[in-house]
Protein backbone atom coordinates (compact mmCIF):
# COMPACT_ATOMS: atom_id res chain seq x y z
CA MET A 1 4.36 3.07 7.72
CA ASP A 2 2.53 4.70 10.13
CA THR A 3 4.41 7.33 12.31
CA LEU A 4 4.64 10.40 13.67
CA PRO A 5 5.92 13.33 12.98
CA LEU A 6 8.49 15.46 14.94
CA PRO A 7 8.75 19.55 14.78
CA ALA A 8 11.19 20.99 12.67
CA ARG A 9 12.99 21.93 15.06
CA PRO A 10 12.59 19.73 17.74
CA ASP A 11 13.47 19.73 21.66
CA LEU A 12 14.97 16.78 23.02
CA ALA A 13 14.02 17.85 26.65
CA ASP A 14 10.56 17.41 25.10
CA TYR A 15 10.57 14.53 24.82
CA ILE A 16 12.54 12.85 27.42
CA LYS A 17 9.78 14.69 29.49
CA LEU A 18 7.16 12.76 27.38
CA THR A 19 9.01 9.65 28.04
CA GLU A 20 8.92 10.15 31.60
CA GLU A 21 4.91 10.72 31.96
CA LEU A 22 4.93 7.59 30.01
CA VAL A 23 5.88 5.73 32.83
CA GLU A 24 4.03 7.72 35.55
CA ALA A 25 1.02 6.32 34.01
CA ALA A 26 2.44 3.27 32.85
CA ARG A 27 2.23 2.71 36.41
CA SER A 28 -0.51 4.68 38.18
CA GLU A 29 -3.49 3.21 39.74
CA SER A 30 -5.59 4.57 36.88
CA ALA A 31 -6.58 1.97 34.23
CA ASN A 32 -7.24 4.03 31.86
CA ALA A 33 -3.70 6.20 32.34
CA VAL A 34 -1.82 5.19 29.67
CA GLN A 35 -4.62 5.22 27.37
CA GLU A 36 -5.06 9.23 28.30
CA TRP A 37 -2.06 9.96 28.22
CA CYS A 38 -2.18 8.82 24.58
CA GLY A 39 -5.16 10.60 23.42
CA GLY A 40 -3.56 14.23 24.77
CA TRP A 41 -0.41 13.07 22.64
CA LEU A 42 -2.46 12.78 19.66
CA GLU A 43 -4.57 15.23 19.79
CA SER A 44 -1.60 18.00 20.55
CA ILE A 45 0.16 16.65 17.14
CA VAL A 46 -3.12 16.87 15.07
CA ARG A 47 -3.46 20.62 16.69
CA SER A 48 -0.17 21.87 15.36
CA SER A 49 -0.60 20.09 11.94
CA GLY A 50 -3.26 22.57 11.00
CA PRO A 51 -6.23 21.91 9.01
CA ASP A 52 -4.57 20.24 6.25
CA LEU A 53 -5.51 17.01 8.22
CA THR A 54 -6.16 14.75 5.90
CA ASP A 55 -8.14 10.81 7.71
CA PHE A 56 -5.34 9.19 5.59
CA VAL A 57 -2.71 10.66 7.87
CA ARG A 58 -4.47 10.77 10.87
CA GLY A 59 -5.50 7.07 10.77
CA SER A 60 -1.82 6.63 10.42
CA TRP A 61 -0.99 8.23 13.85
CA GLU A 62 -3.52 7.20 16.05
CA ARG A 63 -2.06 3.31 15.02
CA ALA A 64 1.18 4.60 15.43
CA ILE A 65 0.54 5.89 19.47
CA GLY A 66 -2.14 3.18 19.85
CA GLU A 67 1.03 0.53 19.44
CA VAL A 68 2.88 2.72 21.47
CA ASP A 69 -0.56 2.23 24.23
CA LYS A 70 -0.74 -1.36 23.21
CA GLY A 71 2.52 -1.67 24.52
CA ALA A 72 3.07 0.04 27.62
CA ARG A 73 -0.35 -1.46 28.94
CA GLY A 74 1.20 -4.92 27.99
CA LYS A 75 4.03 -4.71 29.94
CA SER A 76 2.65 -2.47 33.04
CA GLU A 77 -0.14 -5.75 32.78
CA ALA A 78 2.62 -8.47 32.74
CA ALA A 79 4.24 -6.70 35.42
CA LYS A 80 1.30 -7.44 38.01
CA GLU A 81 1.71 -10.97 37.62
CA GLY A 82 5.62 -10.67 38.49
CA GLY A 83 6.79 -10.05 35.24
CA ALA A 84 9.64 -7.25 34.65
CA GLY A 85 7.94 -3.43 35.57
CA PHE A 86 7.65 -0.46 32.91
CA GLU A 87 10.50 1.27 33.43
CA LEU A 88 11.93 4.62 31.51
CA ALA A 89 14.18 2.31 28.59
CA ASP A 90 10.05 0.76 27.76
CA ALA A 91 9.11 4.09 27.30
CA GLN A 92 12.05 5.63 25.22
CA ALA A 93 12.28 2.32 23.19
CA LEU A 94 7.95 2.59 22.21
CA VAL A 95 8.23 6.78 21.68
CA ALA A 96 11.47 5.79 19.02
CA HIS A 97 9.83 3.25 17.23
CA ALA A 98 6.46 5.71 16.93
CA HIS A 99 8.20 7.97 14.77
CA SER A 100 10.39 5.35 12.98
CA PHE A 101 13.21 4.96 15.02
CA GLY A 102 15.36 1.55 15.83
CA GLY A 103 15.39 2.56 18.93
CA TRP A 104 15.81 5.82 21.60
CA ASP A 105 19.74 6.10 20.89
CA ALA A 106 19.10 6.68 17.02
CA PHE A 107 16.39 9.11 17.39
CA ALA A 108 18.02 11.29 20.57
CA ARG A 109 20.81 11.58 17.57
CA PHE A 110 18.87 12.88 15.60
CA VAL A 111 16.47 15.32 17.47
CA ASP A 112 19.96 16.09 18.71
CA GLU A 113 22.15 16.39 15.98
CA ASP A 114 20.91 16.19 12.50
CA THR A 115 17.17 18.95 13.08
CA ARG A 116 19.85 21.56 14.18
CA GLN A 117 21.09 21.15 10.48
CA THR A 118 19.86 24.12 9.05
CA PRO A 119 17.15 26.80 10.66
CA GLU A 120 14.70 24.48 8.92
CA GLY A 121 15.09 21.69 10.18
CA ALA A 122 17.46 17.97 9.49
CA GLU A 123 18.56 18.63 5.70
CA PHE A 124 17.37 15.19 4.28
CA GLU A 125 14.00 15.77 6.06
CA VAL A 126 13.56 19.49 4.45
CA ALA A 127 15.03 17.94 0.85
CA ALA A 128 12.00 14.69 1.46
CA ASP A 129 9.33 17.00 1.72
CA ALA A 130 10.42 19.37 -1.46
CA VAL A 131 10.45 15.46 -3.16
CA VAL A 132 7.13 15.13 -2.09
CA ASP A 133 5.98 18.46 -2.40
CA GLY A 134 7.13 18.92 -6.17
CA ASN A 135 9.18 22.13 -4.79
CA VAL A 136 11.65 21.30 -7.91
CA ALA A 137 13.55 25.26 -7.60
CA ARG A 138 13.89 24.10 -3.32
CA LEU A 139 15.33 20.45 -4.14
CA ARG A 140 17.36 22.01 -6.82
CA SER A 141 18.62 24.51 -3.75
CA LEU A 142 19.48 22.12 -1.58
CA LEU A 143 21.00 20.14 -4.08
CA ARG A 144 23.62 22.89 -5.41
CA GLU A 145 24.46 23.76 -1.67
CA ASN A 146 24.99 19.86 -0.84
CA PRO A 147 25.48 17.70 -3.88
CA ALA A 148 25.76 14.19 -0.79
CA LEU A 149 21.84 14.21 -0.08
CA THR A 150 21.50 12.26 -3.78
CA HIS A 151 23.39 9.90 -1.88
CA ALA A 152 21.97 10.26 1.83
CA ARG A 153 19.22 8.75 3.13
CA SER A 154 16.89 9.01 5.80
CA ALA A 155 18.07 8.27 10.27
CA ARG A 156 14.26 6.20 9.98
CA ILE A 157 14.40 2.47 9.95
CA HIS A 158 13.30 1.98 6.26
CA HIS A 159 16.73 4.73 5.13
CA ALA A 160 14.67 5.86 2.04
CA THR A 161 16.38 7.64 -0.50
CA LEU A 162 15.10 10.95 -2.13
CA LEU A 163 13.81 8.55 -4.81
CA TYR A 164 12.50 6.27 -3.04
CA TYR A 165 10.88 8.81 -1.54
CA LEU A 166 8.66 9.90 -4.96
CA ALA A 167 7.44 6.33 -4.84
CA ALA A 168 5.62 7.59 -2.10
CA ASN A 169 5.26 3.96 -0.95
CA GLY A 170 6.52 2.40 2.18
CA ILE A 171 7.28 5.60 3.70
CA GLU A 172 5.98 7.45 6.42
CA ASP A 173 2.31 7.94 5.36
CA PHE A 174 2.36 11.68 6.51
CA ARG A 175 4.70 11.95 3.59
CA GLN A 176 2.84 9.38 1.25
CA ARG A 177 1.60 11.52 -1.89
CA SER A 178 2.67 11.99 -5.56
CA PRO A 179 3.12 15.06 -7.48
CA GLY A 180 2.18 15.63 -10.90
CA ASN A 181 5.74 16.69 -11.58
CA ALA A 182 7.28 13.60 -10.13
CA PRO A 183 9.17 13.08 -13.25
CA GLU A 184 10.92 16.06 -13.74
CA ILE A 185 11.28 15.67 -9.55
CA ALA A 186 12.80 12.04 -10.78
CA ARG A 187 15.03 12.95 -13.52
CA LEU A 188 16.56 16.20 -11.58
CA LEU A 189 17.77 13.45 -8.93
CA LEU A 190 18.87 11.17 -11.51
CA ASP A 191 20.42 13.69 -12.91
CA ALA A 192 22.20 14.50 -10.32
CA GLY A 193 23.49 10.70 -9.62
CA ALA A 194 20.33 9.21 -7.71
CA GLU A 195 21.30 4.87 -8.06
CA VAL A 196 18.31 3.93 -9.32
CA ASP A 197 18.25 0.65 -7.96
CA ALA A 198 18.89 1.47 -4.29
CA LEU A 199 18.47 -1.11 -1.92
CA CYS A 200 16.00 0.56 1.07
CA GLY A 201 13.07 -0.25 3.52
CA MET A 202 13.71 -2.48 6.41
CA GLY A 203 16.09 -5.42 7.52
CA ASN A 204 17.97 -7.08 4.48
CA SER A 205 15.01 -5.82 2.27
CA ASP A 206 15.58 -5.92 -1.51
CA ASP A 207 13.18 -3.42 -1.94
CA THR A 208 13.84 -0.79 -4.91
CA PRO A 209 12.77 3.04 -6.18
CA MET A 210 10.71 0.52 -8.38
CA LEU A 211 9.26 -1.95 -6.56
CA ALA A 212 8.01 0.68 -4.35
CA LEU A 213 6.89 2.79 -7.67
CA VAL A 214 4.71 -1.13 -9.25
CA THR A 215 2.90 -1.41 -6.24
CA SER A 216 2.26 1.97 -4.89
CA VAL A 217 -1.18 3.71 -5.08
CA HIS A 218 -0.81 7.46 -4.88
CA PRO A 219 1.69 7.40 -8.31
CA HIS A 220 -1.01 5.42 -10.48
CA HIS A 221 -3.73 7.54 -9.20
CA MET A 222 -1.69 10.54 -10.10
CA GLY A 223 -1.28 9.10 -13.31
CA VAL A 224 2.70 9.43 -13.23
CA ALA A 225 3.64 6.14 -12.56
CA THR A 226 3.94 5.13 -16.42
CA GLU A 227 6.97 7.94 -17.16
CA LEU A 228 8.21 7.11 -13.70
CA ILE A 229 8.37 3.61 -15.12
CA GLU A 230 10.26 4.90 -18.27
CA ILE A 231 12.67 7.08 -16.22
CA PHE A 232 13.61 4.51 -13.52
CA VAL A 233 14.52 1.95 -17.10
CA GLU A 234 16.30 4.71 -19.19
CA ALA A 235 18.64 5.55 -15.91
CA GLY A 236 19.14 1.72 -15.61
CA SER A 237 16.71 0.26 -13.29
CA LYS A 238 16.66 -3.10 -14.03
CA VAL A 239 13.43 -4.59 -15.73
CA ASN A 240 12.80 -8.18 -14.63
CA GLY A 241 14.37 -6.99 -10.88
CA VAL A 242 17.36 -6.86 -8.79
CA LYS A 243 17.79 -10.17 -8.34
CA GLY A 244 16.60 -11.85 -11.55
CA ASP A 245 13.26 -12.83 -10.56
CA ASN A 246 11.13 -10.75 -12.29
CA ALA A 247 9.40 -9.55 -9.60
CA PRO A 248 8.54 -5.45 -11.13
CA VAL A 249 6.23 -7.16 -13.44
CA ARG A 250 4.87 -9.73 -10.91
CA LEU A 251 4.23 -7.38 -8.10
CA ALA A 252 2.74 -4.27 -10.51
CA LEU A 253 0.01 -7.24 -10.88
CA LYS A 254 -0.31 -8.65 -7.80
CA PHE A 255 -1.55 -5.45 -6.63
CA GLY A 256 -3.42 -4.25 -9.20
CA TYR A 257 -1.76 -2.11 -11.55
CA PRO A 258 -1.77 -4.29 -15.45
CA ASP A 259 -0.71 -0.94 -17.00
CA SER A 260 2.25 -0.13 -14.95
CA ALA A 261 2.96 -4.32 -15.55
CA ALA A 262 2.56 -4.15 -19.62
CA ALA A 263 5.40 -0.30 -19.25
CA LEU A 264 7.52 -3.33 -17.96
CA VAL A 265 7.10 -5.93 -20.28
CA ARG A 266 7.37 -3.24 -23.77
CA LEU A 267 10.67 -1.81 -22.19
CA GLY A 268 12.19 -5.28 -21.91
CA ALA A 269 10.52 -6.91 -19.17
CA GLU A 270 10.52 -11.32 -19.83
CA VAL A 271 7.06 -12.81 -18.83
CA LYS A 272 7.92 -16.07 -17.14
CA THR A 273 4.84 -17.34 -16.32
CA VAL A 274 1.16 -18.34 -17.59
CA ALA A 275 -0.90 -16.13 -15.21
CA MET A 276 1.52 -13.14 -15.61
CA ALA A 277 0.38 -14.21 -19.61
CA ALA A 278 -3.38 -13.81 -18.47
CA GLY A 279 -3.23 -10.73 -16.41
CA LEU A 280 -1.00 -8.82 -19.14
CA GLY A 281 -4.04 -9.92 -21.68
CA ARG A 282 -1.54 -11.63 -23.92
CA LEU A 283 -4.07 -14.56 -24.70
CA ASP A 284 -0.72 -15.49 -27.62
CA LEU A 285 1.36 -16.22 -24.77
CA THR A 286 -1.14 -17.26 -22.34
CA LYS A 287 -1.60 -20.14 -25.57
CA GLU A 288 2.16 -20.52 -25.85
CA PHE A 289 2.69 -21.46 -22.02
CA VAL A 290 -0.62 -23.87 -22.25
CA GLU A 291 0.40 -25.44 -25.61
CA GLU A 292 4.40 -25.70 -25.96
CA ARG A 293 5.40 -24.91 -22.40
CA GLY A 294 3.40 -27.07 -20.09
CA ALA A 295 1.57 -25.39 -17.60
CA SER A 296 0.78 -27.05 -14.92
CA GLU A 297 -2.54 -27.49 -14.04
CA SER A 298 -1.90 -25.03 -10.61
CA GLU A 299 -0.86 -22.30 -12.89
CA LEU A 300 -3.54 -22.49 -15.36
CA ALA A 301 -5.78 -22.01 -12.13
CA ALA A 302 -3.43 -18.87 -11.27
CA ALA A 303 -4.00 -17.98 -14.86
CA PHE A 304 -7.00 -18.10 -14.41
CA GLU A 305 -7.91 -15.92 -11.80
CA ASP A 306 -5.78 -13.66 -12.91
CA ALA A 307 -7.95 -12.98 -16.31
CA CYS A 308 -11.19 -13.17 -14.16
CA ARG A 309 -9.70 -10.43 -12.14
CA PHE A 310 -7.74 -8.11 -14.81
CA GLY A 311 -10.80 -9.32 -17.23
CA ARG A 312 -9.59 -10.83 -19.83
CA THR A 313 -12.95 -12.66 -20.85
CA ASP A 314 -11.09 -13.82 -24.22
CA ILE A 315 -8.13 -15.39 -22.22
CA ALA A 316 -11.03 -17.34 -19.74
CA LYS A 317 -12.85 -17.80 -21.79
CA TYR A 318 -9.72 -20.41 -23.72
CA LEU A 319 -8.40 -21.84 -19.99
CA LEU A 320 -11.79 -22.79 -19.43
CA ALA A 321 -11.84 -24.44 -22.38
CA THR A 322 -8.44 -26.39 -21.11
CA GLY A 323 -10.16 -27.73 -18.39
CA VAL A 324 -9.63 -25.25 -15.83
CA ASP A 325 -12.87 -24.89 -12.67
CA VAL A 326 -14.99 -22.86 -13.34
CA ASP A 327 -14.99 -22.22 -9.60
CA GLY A 328 -12.26 -22.98 -8.34
CA GLN A 329 -11.03 -21.16 -5.17
CA GLY A 330 -7.63 -19.95 -5.16
CA THR A 331 -5.74 -16.90 -3.82
CA TRP A 332 -8.32 -16.00 -0.67
CA LYS A 333 -10.20 -18.61 -1.74
CA MET A 334 -11.72 -16.57 -4.44
CA THR A 335 -13.20 -18.07 -7.47
CA GLY A 336 -13.35 -16.23 -10.73
CA LEU A 337 -17.06 -14.77 -10.12
CA MET A 338 -16.01 -13.10 -7.11
CA TRP A 339 -12.76 -11.06 -9.00
CA ALA A 340 -14.68 -10.53 -12.32
CA ALA A 341 -17.74 -8.74 -9.74
CA SER A 342 -14.86 -7.11 -7.00
CA GLN A 343 -13.01 -5.56 -9.98
CA GLY A 344 -17.02 -4.35 -12.33
CA HIS A 345 -15.56 -6.49 -15.40
CA LEU A 346 -19.28 -7.31 -16.53
CA ASP A 347 -18.76 -8.85 -20.28
CA THR A 348 -16.01 -11.72 -17.99
CA MET A 349 -18.78 -12.45 -15.12
CA ALA A 350 -21.23 -13.59 -17.61
CA MET A 351 -18.95 -15.69 -19.99
CA ILE A 352 -18.50 -16.79 -16.23
CA LEU A 353 -22.34 -17.41 -15.39
CA ASN A 354 -23.28 -18.81 -18.78
CA ARG A 355 -21.03 -21.75 -17.46
CA GLY A 356 -22.72 -22.79 -14.03
CA PRO A 357 -20.73 -21.76 -11.90
CA SER A 358 -21.62 -23.06 -7.83
CA LEU A 359 -23.30 -19.74 -6.74
CA GLU A 360 -23.01 -20.25 -3.24
CA LEU A 361 -19.05 -20.33 -2.82
CA ARG A 362 -17.59 -18.71 -0.07
CA ASN A 363 -14.47 -16.65 0.15
CA GLU A 364 -10.94 -17.32 2.82
CA PHE A 365 -13.71 -13.74 4.32
CA GLY A 366 -17.36 -15.63 4.54
CA GLY A 367 -18.26 -13.60 1.62
CA THR A 368 -20.48 -14.96 -2.12
CA ALA A 369 -19.66 -13.32 -5.32
CA MET A 370 -22.19 -10.55 -4.43
CA GLY A 371 -20.53 -9.97 -0.31
CA THR A 372 -17.30 -9.38 -2.74
CA ALA A 373 -18.88 -7.41 -4.83
CA LEU A 374 -20.54 -5.13 -2.28
CA HIS A 375 -17.36 -5.39 0.25
CA PHE A 376 -15.30 -3.45 -2.92
CA ALA A 377 -17.79 -1.42 -4.25
CA ILE A 378 -17.71 -0.18 -0.77
CA ASN A 379 -14.80 0.27 0.66
CA SER A 380 -12.13 -0.30 -2.86
CA PRO A 381 -13.94 0.44 -5.24
CA ARG A 382 -12.20 -0.14 -9.01
CA PRO A 383 -11.80 3.16 -10.62
CA GLY A 384 -14.38 3.46 -13.62
CA ALA A 385 -16.28 -0.08 -12.37
CA ASP A 386 -19.97 -0.11 -13.13
CA TYR A 387 -21.10 -1.45 -9.41
CA PRO A 388 -24.62 -0.85 -9.42
CA ALA A 389 -25.08 -3.09 -12.74
CA VAL A 390 -22.40 -5.76 -11.02
CA ILE A 391 -25.08 -6.35 -8.28
CA ASP A 392 -28.14 -6.40 -11.36
CA MET A 393 -26.21 -9.05 -12.79
CA LEU A 394 -25.67 -11.53 -9.40
CA LEU A 395 -28.94 -10.14 -8.30
CA ASN A 396 -30.72 -12.00 -11.57
CA ALA A 397 -28.02 -14.54 -11.92
CA GLY A 398 -29.86 -15.75 -8.29
CA LEU A 399 -27.41 -14.67 -6.42
CA LYS A 400 -28.74 -13.63 -2.69
CA PHE A 401 -28.10 -10.19 -1.07
CA GLU A 402 -27.28 -10.94 3.16
CA GLY A 403 -27.50 -7.08 3.86
CA THR A 404 -30.18 -5.53 5.84
CA ARG A 405 -33.09 -3.94 4.72
CA LYS A 406 -31.64 -0.65 5.51
CA GLY A 407 -28.96 -1.15 2.06
CA THR A 408 -25.85 0.08 1.45
CA GLY A 409 -25.93 3.55 1.82
CA LEU A 410 -24.15 3.95 -1.80
CA ASP A 411 -27.66 4.96 -3.61
CA ASP A 412 -26.93 3.82 -6.69
CA ILE A 413 -26.55 0.34 -5.41
CA ASP A 414 -28.90 0.66 -2.91
CA ALA A 415 -31.48 2.18 -5.94
CA VAL A 416 -30.79 -1.89 -8.14
CA LEU A 417 -31.63 -3.59 -4.37
CA ARG A 418 -34.87 -1.37 -4.18
CA ARG A 419 -35.98 -2.58 -7.75
CA HIS A 420 -35.14 -6.61 -6.99
CA GLY A 421 -37.03 -5.77 -3.60
CA LYS A 422 -34.20 -6.31 -1.78
CA VAL A 423 -33.80 -2.87 0.69
CA ASP A 424 -36.67 -0.53 1.96
């Protein structure tokens, strides 16, 4: 969540002055006044953050302030055409939202009251930092001093519990990180009475710590996701979701984490669709859905998509034998070849290419299988995928490289393109 940070002990008077300055900038005759004000605010936050600021967090702050810029300038432009002018209440609302508060009153109350709770700032905020930092000693001390923190919620619009923070998802970006000792933190919170399936998120959300976990990149990259799933289930988390709709398994697969989906099934979650069976690599269940339960044509197409996406070559081959179209275009108009190439599944690609697929089909974004593979290789590579081999296979199959003679900027891929005479 794009959220600006607050100092440990912010001064409400400073924020009142900040909003007054934004109003002045929005009413200025200078077309660049708001943009310059926003740029100055961003740089002051960056300077105070220290040298460890990551590109991910800075990008989040830029987007948050960008929304302030957009809102202020939009209202100012509307005023020139007879609309309501930009008032102090507008500036206050924009600043509050940039910090992920529902409105100025909630933000002002937090700054003026909650952040005075301890010398370090708001008690919940201090505890949230301890969770994402993996500071067991600090968290244990805080819970001992105030057991109610176990059930407390953030004052921000997501209203997350401390256990939800452990999923590193749906919360402020500057706290989205997973400590290596996340399982120990989870056990500490649950032993202290944390509600494992507490509903969090904005509005009437059905989001829980489990759903946040199975869709979050950070615990998966840290290698703690599966153990956290086991701990949550042991503590009573519903493996089929709080609504019984199989959301944990379904979303784990949707976000590309089949190991988490498999862990949930191992712990008792149901496999309710042929697509889930295919994504999990369960040929036995896939056949059961096809041969005994009568899966529909659209369900089989979705299963083929997931089989290709997760490199389940035997299942993809079986589904093609049932009559699934090798050139079928599903999510984002992606074909099975595009999915397999995007994730570097060479065996699945070879099987599909042997069946003579169309090489010129394009997805929703205008990319062929070649363009799709290059996009993922550059922007979102699957760990362990051999993208140079993917590109080599696609070129050998006759797909065109539509980039420039300068190449991609990835040395190993450019070496393959150079060998094929595609780049200088």
